[in-house]
Amino acid sequence: MNAAQCGFRMPAEWNEQEAIWLSWPVADERHWAGQKQDLMTEKFAEIAAAISRFETVRINAPGENHARIRRACELAQVDANHLELFDHPNNDVWCRDHGPIFVKHHETGEVAVVDWGFNAWGGKFPPWDADDAIPRRIADALGMRRFEGGMILEGGAIEINDVGQLLTTEAVLLNPNRNPHLDRAAMEEFLRQGLGVKEILWLKRGIEGDDTDGHIDDLVRFVSNEAVLACVEKDRTSPNHAVLAENVSTLKEFRKVTGGPFDIIEMPMPEACEVPGWRLPILPASYVNYLLVNGGVIVPQFRQKKNDERAKDILREIFPAREIVGIDCLDLVEEGGTLHCISQQQPK
């Protein structure tokens, strides 16, 4: 039996959480060589410290690296009572995509793991074998029931509310570099079976510079069962202007479970973040790539004071009961993502 048949569904991120999972940077020449390794170690420790103020941080990393990680976390003032390390070797840091997607039983509250396949966004960044094994390792370590998802799926490709609606993009899920043998109907059925959702809402494309082909968590997020927070780009010369305008237009056609259109709250994009000579001409910087934690919202910042503050103010209005914490993510986004991309929430 699949997860949905057994009474499980994926809860919205705003529900109470047990922990946030991270996969620690691995020193290799592909991603984190030289001084960048030290910089990213400090950045991940800073992020872990911010999370640990609100809940437990659980880290995937090879056992031989644990002592060094603990030292870095101690220097960053991570709450030692909220830090747990697991001997789970990893290839890369994007835990949202290679980590498990947790589901919860609607009656008993049991939490289980759905283990979807991972192929590094269509085979772009080999190797990925250790990353693909992370969901099984976590399920075994926590003694959780594990369900096979049945297809390639990254966590950043889906956004879900608490009434069975799921947002995604055609550019990712229908891309032949993931599941060339499956059509839209087959994928929707796997999503229903694995996550307990009832309705799949499709947008078309993602933002410029996104290695993932267009993950939803850089575009739009559910902030309640009735409202979404959607990126907009006012600069008509930006390559993101038309894409994001099309997304908003499509969102206006979607309907809430209770009837009527969603409330659409607009989140302006930061100014284009560019690194001369880098492999990504425009970095996929987005303020909706925030992370919800118990009692808080951790928000990416891009060294644009006015825009950064505006993003925090918008989120403060949406989540008035949560503390808003900004973290500089300009160096992190050079590798293709920020706070939501590197993390995965485990429900209480």
Protein backbone atom coordinates (compact mmCIF):
# COMPACT_ATOMS: atom_id res chain seq x y z
CA MET A 1 0.00 0.00 0.00
CA ASN A 2 1.14 3.55 -0.69
CA ALA A 3 1.35 6.38 1.83
CA ALA A 4 -2.07 7.85 1.06
CA GLN A 5 -3.77 4.45 1.29
CA CYS A 6 -2.19 4.04 4.72
CA GLY A 7 -3.64 7.35 5.92
CA PHE A 8 -0.60 9.61 5.47
CA ARG A 9 -0.37 13.05 3.87
CA MET A 10 2.23 15.80 3.69
CA PRO A 11 1.39 18.64 6.12
CA ALA A 12 1.93 22.28 5.20
CA GLU A 13 5.25 23.74 6.30
CA TRP A 14 3.59 26.14 8.74
CA ASN A 15 2.55 23.27 11.04
CA GLU A 16 4.57 22.47 14.17
CA GLN A 17 7.92 20.90 13.40
CA GLU A 18 10.16 18.38 15.14
CA ALA A 19 13.37 19.44 13.40
CA ILE A 20 15.00 20.97 10.34
CA TRP A 21 17.41 18.79 8.35
CA LEU A 22 20.54 20.13 6.64
CA SER A 23 23.18 18.35 4.54
CA TRP A 24 26.59 19.81 5.36
CA PRO A 25 28.95 21.11 2.63
CA VAL A 26 31.39 18.44 1.44
CA ALA A 27 34.89 19.60 0.50
CA ASP A 28 35.49 18.79 -3.15
CA GLU A 29 36.58 20.65 -6.26
CA ARG A 30 33.10 20.62 -7.80
CA HIS A 31 31.42 22.94 -5.32
CA TRP A 32 33.23 23.93 -2.17
CA ALA A 33 36.98 24.04 -2.82
CA GLY A 34 39.55 26.32 -1.18
CA GLN A 35 38.36 29.43 0.62
CA LYS A 36 34.78 28.80 -0.50
CA GLN A 37 34.74 25.72 1.73
CA ASP A 38 35.58 27.81 4.79
CA LEU A 39 33.06 30.46 3.79
CA MET A 40 30.27 27.94 3.35
CA THR A 41 31.12 26.14 6.57
CA GLU A 42 30.72 29.43 8.41
CA LYS A 43 27.50 30.20 6.54
CA PHE A 44 25.93 26.82 7.27
CA ALA A 45 26.91 27.17 10.93
CA GLU A 46 25.27 30.61 10.98
CA ILE A 47 22.10 29.16 9.47
CA ALA A 48 22.15 26.24 11.92
CA ALA A 49 22.50 28.71 14.78
CA ALA A 50 19.47 30.66 13.60
CA ILE A 51 17.38 27.49 13.31
CA SER A 52 18.54 26.19 16.70
CA ARG A 53 16.98 29.20 18.41
CA PHE A 54 13.59 27.78 17.43
CA GLU A 55 13.98 24.00 17.13
CA THR A 56 16.36 21.08 16.61
CA VAL A 57 18.82 21.06 13.72
CA ARG A 58 19.65 17.62 12.30
CA ILE A 59 22.67 17.35 10.02
CA ASN A 60 23.62 14.79 7.38
CA ALA A 61 27.40 14.41 7.07
CA PRO A 62 30.07 11.68 7.00
CA GLY A 63 31.00 10.64 10.53
CA GLU A 64 34.64 11.64 10.13
CA ASN A 65 33.53 15.25 9.64
CA HIS A 66 31.36 15.50 12.76
CA ALA A 67 34.00 16.88 15.13
CA ARG A 68 34.85 19.70 12.71
CA ILE A 69 31.16 20.47 12.19
CA ARG A 70 30.56 20.63 15.93
CA ARG A 71 33.44 23.08 16.32
CA ALA A 72 32.03 25.31 13.59
CA CYS A 73 28.58 25.18 15.16
CA GLU A 74 30.00 25.99 18.57
CA LEU A 75 31.77 29.07 17.17
CA ALA A 76 28.48 30.18 15.59
CA GLN A 77 26.70 29.69 18.93
CA VAL A 78 24.42 26.90 17.81
CA ASP A 79 22.32 25.73 20.78
CA ALA A 80 24.05 22.43 21.65
CA ASN A 81 20.77 21.05 23.00
CA HIS A 82 19.22 21.53 19.56
CA LEU A 83 21.99 19.98 17.45
CA GLU A 84 22.08 16.37 16.23
CA LEU A 85 24.57 14.93 13.73
CA PHE A 86 23.99 11.77 11.72
CA ASP A 87 26.58 9.64 9.92
CA HIS A 88 24.92 10.08 6.53
CA PRO A 89 27.47 10.69 3.73
CA ASN A 90 26.27 13.21 1.15
CA ASN A 91 27.39 14.52 -2.23
CA ASP A 92 25.94 18.03 -1.98
CA VAL A 93 23.98 20.40 0.24
CA TRP A 94 20.51 20.63 -1.28
CA CYS A 95 18.57 18.69 1.35
CA ARG A 96 15.22 20.04 0.16
CA ASP A 97 15.72 18.06 -3.02
CA HIS A 98 17.59 14.91 -2.03
CA GLY A 99 16.23 14.54 1.50
CA PRO A 100 13.07 12.70 2.46
CA ILE A 101 9.64 14.21 2.22
CA PHE A 102 7.95 13.58 5.53
CA VAL A 103 4.28 12.67 5.73
CA LYS A 104 2.02 12.41 8.76
CA HIS A 105 -0.88 10.10 9.60
CA HIS A 106 -4.09 12.07 9.80
CA GLU A 107 -5.36 10.13 12.85
CA THR A 108 -2.43 8.72 14.82
CA GLY A 109 0.09 11.50 14.13
CA GLU A 110 2.74 8.97 13.09
CA VAL A 111 5.42 10.53 10.87
CA ALA A 112 6.84 8.53 7.97
CA VAL A 113 9.23 9.06 5.06
CA VAL A 114 8.44 9.06 1.36
CA ASP A 115 11.58 8.17 -0.58
CA TRP A 116 11.50 9.74 -4.04
CA GLY A 117 14.22 9.18 -6.59
CA PHE A 118 16.89 11.85 -7.02
CA ASN A 119 19.09 12.34 -10.09
CA ALA A 120 20.66 15.78 -9.48
CA TRP A 121 18.11 17.78 -11.50
CA GLY A 122 18.27 15.66 -14.61
CA GLY A 123 21.83 14.38 -14.28
CA LYS A 124 23.43 17.85 -14.23
CA PHE A 125 25.80 17.41 -11.27
CA PRO A 126 27.18 13.88 -10.76
CA PRO A 127 27.72 11.99 -8.57
CA TRP A 128 24.47 11.86 -6.59
CA ASP A 129 24.44 8.32 -5.23
CA ALA A 130 25.04 9.35 -1.60
CA ASP A 131 22.38 12.04 -1.81
CA ASP A 132 19.87 9.59 -3.26
CA ALA A 133 20.46 7.30 -0.25
CA ILE A 134 19.71 10.00 2.35
CA PRO A 135 15.94 9.34 2.71
CA ARG A 136 16.50 5.64 3.42
CA ARG A 137 19.26 6.45 5.91
CA ILE A 138 17.07 8.95 7.76
CA ALA A 139 14.12 6.56 7.90
CA ASP A 140 16.40 3.83 9.29
CA ALA A 141 18.04 6.17 11.81
CA LEU A 142 14.70 7.39 13.15
CA GLY A 143 12.92 4.03 12.94
CA MET A 144 10.29 5.44 10.60
CA ARG A 145 8.10 3.72 8.10
CA ARG A 146 9.33 4.37 4.54
CA PHE A 147 7.29 4.48 1.34
CA GLU A 148 8.69 4.46 -2.19
CA GLY A 149 7.64 7.54 -4.13
CA GLY A 150 7.80 5.81 -7.51
CA MET A 151 9.44 8.59 -9.53
CA ILE A 152 12.13 11.28 -9.53
CA LEU A 153 10.96 14.25 -7.43
CA GLU A 154 12.75 17.08 -5.66
CA GLY A 155 11.20 18.72 -2.62
CA GLY A 156 11.81 22.18 -4.07
CA ALA A 157 9.56 21.28 -7.01
CA ILE A 158 6.42 21.14 -4.86
CA GLU A 159 4.57 23.53 -2.57
CA ILE A 160 1.62 22.29 -0.52
CA ASN A 161 -1.13 23.63 1.72
CA ASP A 162 -3.16 21.86 4.38
CA VAL A 163 -6.25 21.09 2.29
CA GLY A 164 -4.71 18.84 -0.35
CA GLN A 165 -3.58 21.34 -2.98
CA LEU A 166 -0.11 21.18 -4.50
CA LEU A 167 1.67 23.74 -6.69
CA THR A 168 4.38 22.74 -9.16
CA THR A 169 5.84 23.66 -12.56
CA GLU A 170 5.72 21.99 -15.94
CA ALA A 171 9.33 23.01 -16.58
CA VAL A 172 10.49 20.62 -13.85
CA LEU A 173 8.04 17.76 -13.52
CA LEU A 174 7.35 17.40 -17.24
CA ASN A 175 11.02 17.75 -18.15
CA PRO A 176 12.19 14.53 -19.86
CA ASN A 177 15.42 14.67 -17.84
CA ARG A 178 13.51 13.39 -14.78
CA ASN A 179 10.82 10.88 -15.69
CA PRO A 180 10.72 10.46 -19.47
CA HIS A 181 8.53 7.38 -19.18
CA LEU A 182 5.73 9.17 -17.31
CA ASP A 183 3.08 11.57 -18.60
CA ARG A 184 1.33 14.28 -16.58
CA ALA A 185 -1.52 12.00 -15.47
CA ALA A 186 0.88 9.33 -14.19
CA MET A 187 2.91 11.90 -12.26
CA GLU A 188 -0.20 13.37 -10.69
CA GLU A 189 -1.21 9.91 -9.55
CA PHE A 190 2.18 9.32 -7.91
CA LEU A 191 1.83 12.68 -6.12
CA ARG A 192 -1.61 11.72 -4.84
CA GLN A 193 -0.39 8.33 -3.67
CA GLY A 194 2.81 9.58 -2.06
CA LEU A 195 1.70 12.87 -0.51
CA GLY A 196 -2.03 12.45 0.00
CA VAL A 197 -2.85 15.48 -2.15
CA LYS A 198 -6.09 15.89 -4.06
CA GLU A 199 -5.40 18.63 -6.60
CA ILE A 200 -2.27 19.56 -8.54
CA LEU A 201 -1.98 23.16 -9.76
CA TRP A 202 0.51 23.71 -12.59
CA LEU A 203 2.54 26.79 -13.44
CA LYS A 204 4.73 26.78 -16.53
CA ARG A 205 8.25 28.15 -15.97
CA GLY A 206 10.76 29.29 -13.38
CA ILE A 207 13.20 32.17 -12.96
CA GLU A 208 16.42 32.84 -14.85
CA GLY A 209 19.57 31.04 -13.72
CA ASP A 210 17.78 28.22 -11.91
CA ASP A 211 19.77 24.97 -12.29
CA THR A 212 16.67 23.04 -11.26
CA ASP A 213 14.80 24.10 -14.45
CA GLY A 214 12.24 26.08 -12.43
CA HIS A 215 11.51 25.05 -8.85
CA ILE A 216 8.30 26.36 -7.34
CA ASP A 217 9.98 27.45 -4.08
CA ASP A 218 11.67 30.33 -5.95
CA LEU A 219 8.35 31.45 -7.44
CA VAL A 220 5.35 31.12 -5.14
CA ARG A 221 4.57 29.81 -1.67
CA PHE A 222 1.33 29.00 0.09
CA VAL A 223 1.10 31.19 3.19
CA SER A 224 -2.31 29.80 4.22
CA ASN A 225 -5.00 27.63 2.68
CA GLU A 226 -6.49 30.75 1.11
CA ALA A 227 -3.46 32.82 0.10
CA VAL A 228 -0.20 32.60 -1.85
CA LEU A 229 2.92 34.76 -1.89
CA ALA A 230 4.06 35.21 -5.49
CA CYS A 231 7.25 36.74 -6.90
CA VAL A 232 6.86 39.68 -9.28
CA GLU A 233 9.41 41.57 -11.34
CA LYS A 234 8.48 45.19 -12.13
CA ASP A 235 11.52 45.76 -14.39
CA ARG A 236 10.24 45.06 -17.89
CA THR A 237 13.80 44.64 -19.18
CA SER A 238 14.39 41.69 -16.83
CA PRO A 239 14.14 38.17 -18.31
CA ASN A 240 12.02 37.31 -15.25
CA HIS A 241 9.34 39.94 -15.90
CA ALA A 242 7.22 38.01 -18.40
CA VAL A 243 7.67 34.66 -16.64
CA LEU A 244 6.50 35.95 -13.27
CA ALA A 245 3.65 37.98 -14.79
CA GLU A 246 2.44 34.81 -16.51
CA ASN A 247 2.61 32.95 -13.20
CA VAL A 248 0.48 35.58 -11.44
CA SER A 249 -2.04 35.48 -14.27
CA THR A 250 -2.28 31.69 -13.95
CA LEU A 251 -2.57 31.89 -10.16
CA LYS A 252 -5.62 34.12 -10.57
CA GLU A 253 -7.35 31.26 -12.38
CA PHE A 254 -6.81 28.76 -9.57
CA ARG A 255 -9.52 28.25 -6.95
CA LYS A 256 -9.42 27.61 -3.22
CA VAL A 257 -10.99 24.45 -1.87
CA THR A 258 -13.69 26.63 -0.32
CA GLY A 259 -14.33 28.37 -3.65
CA GLY A 260 -13.20 31.64 -5.14
CA PRO A 261 -9.73 32.79 -6.15
CA PHE A 262 -6.69 32.73 -3.90
CA ASP A 263 -5.57 35.94 -2.27
CA ILE A 264 -2.34 36.79 -4.12
CA ILE A 265 0.29 38.73 -2.16
CA GLU A 266 3.12 40.07 -4.30
CA MET A 267 6.79 39.76 -3.34
CA PRO A 268 9.10 41.92 -5.50
CA MET A 269 12.29 40.27 -6.68
CA PRO A 270 15.66 41.60 -5.57
CA GLU A 271 17.73 43.47 -8.11
CA ALA A 272 19.58 41.08 -10.40
CA CYS A 273 22.46 39.39 -8.57
CA GLU A 274 25.34 38.83 -10.98
CA VAL A 275 28.88 37.46 -10.61
CA PRO A 276 31.13 38.29 -13.59
CA GLY A 277 32.56 35.15 -15.17
CA TRP A 278 30.42 32.79 -13.08
CA ARG A 279 28.60 29.87 -14.69
CA LEU A 280 25.22 31.51 -13.94
CA PRO A 281 24.90 34.92 -15.63
CA ILE A 282 22.02 35.84 -13.29
CA LEU A 283 21.74 34.16 -9.90
CA PRO A 284 18.37 32.63 -8.88
CA ALA A 285 17.91 35.01 -5.94
CA SER A 286 14.37 35.04 -4.54
CA TYR A 287 12.87 36.25 -1.27
CA VAL A 288 10.21 33.53 -1.27
CA ASN A 289 12.95 30.95 -0.69
CA TYR A 290 12.48 31.55 3.03
CA LEU A 291 12.35 28.83 5.70
CA LEU A 292 9.51 28.52 8.20
CA VAL A 293 10.51 27.30 11.67
CA ASN A 294 8.55 27.06 14.91
CA GLY A 295 7.81 30.66 15.80
CA GLY A 296 10.03 32.16 13.11
CA VAL A 297 10.70 32.87 9.44
CA ILE A 298 14.31 32.84 8.25
CA VAL A 299 14.60 35.06 5.17
CA PRO A 300 17.37 35.22 2.53
CA GLN A 301 19.03 38.63 2.15
CA PHE A 302 21.09 39.81 -0.83
CA ARG A 303 22.95 42.94 0.40
CA GLN A 304 20.26 45.21 -1.00
CA LYS A 305 19.18 47.12 2.08
CA LYS A 306 15.93 48.60 0.80
CA ASN A 307 14.79 45.44 -0.97
CA ASP A 308 15.90 43.16 1.87
CA GLU A 309 13.95 45.21 4.43
CA ARG A 310 10.87 45.32 2.20
CA ALA A 311 10.90 41.52 1.95
CA LYS A 312 11.11 41.17 5.72
CA ASP A 313 8.28 43.69 6.17
CA ILE A 314 6.02 41.75 3.79
CA LEU A 315 6.69 38.51 5.63
CA ARG A 316 6.18 40.26 8.98
CA GLU A 317 2.68 41.27 7.85
CA ILE A 318 1.90 37.74 6.66
CA PHE A 319 3.29 36.02 9.77
CA PRO A 320 2.75 38.54 12.60
CA ALA A 321 3.18 35.92 15.33
CA ARG A 322 6.57 34.78 14.05
CA GLU A 323 9.98 36.35 14.50
CA ILE A 324 11.53 37.45 11.19
CA VAL A 325 15.26 36.65 10.90
CA GLY A 326 17.33 37.73 7.91
CA ILE A 327 20.47 35.89 6.76
CA ASP A 328 22.87 37.07 4.06
CA CYS A 329 22.66 34.49 1.26
CA LEU A 330 24.49 36.21 -1.58
CA ASP A 331 27.45 33.81 -1.45
CA LEU A 332 25.20 30.79 -1.06
CA VAL A 333 22.99 31.66 -4.05
CA GLU A 334 26.08 31.52 -6.32
CA GLU A 335 25.70 27.75 -6.08
CA GLY A 336 22.05 27.92 -7.11
CA GLY A 337 19.79 28.27 -4.08
CA THR A 338 19.27 29.64 -0.58
CA LEU A 339 17.54 28.79 2.70
CA HIS A 340 14.58 26.70 1.60
CA CYS A 341 16.72 24.80 -0.91
CA ILE A 342 19.22 23.61 1.69
CA SER A 343 16.69 22.52 4.32
CA GLN A 344 13.89 20.02 4.88
CA GLN A 345 11.36 20.19 7.70
CA GLN A 346 10.37 17.17 9.77
CA PRO A 347 6.84 17.53 11.18
CA LYS A 348 6.14 17.11 14.90
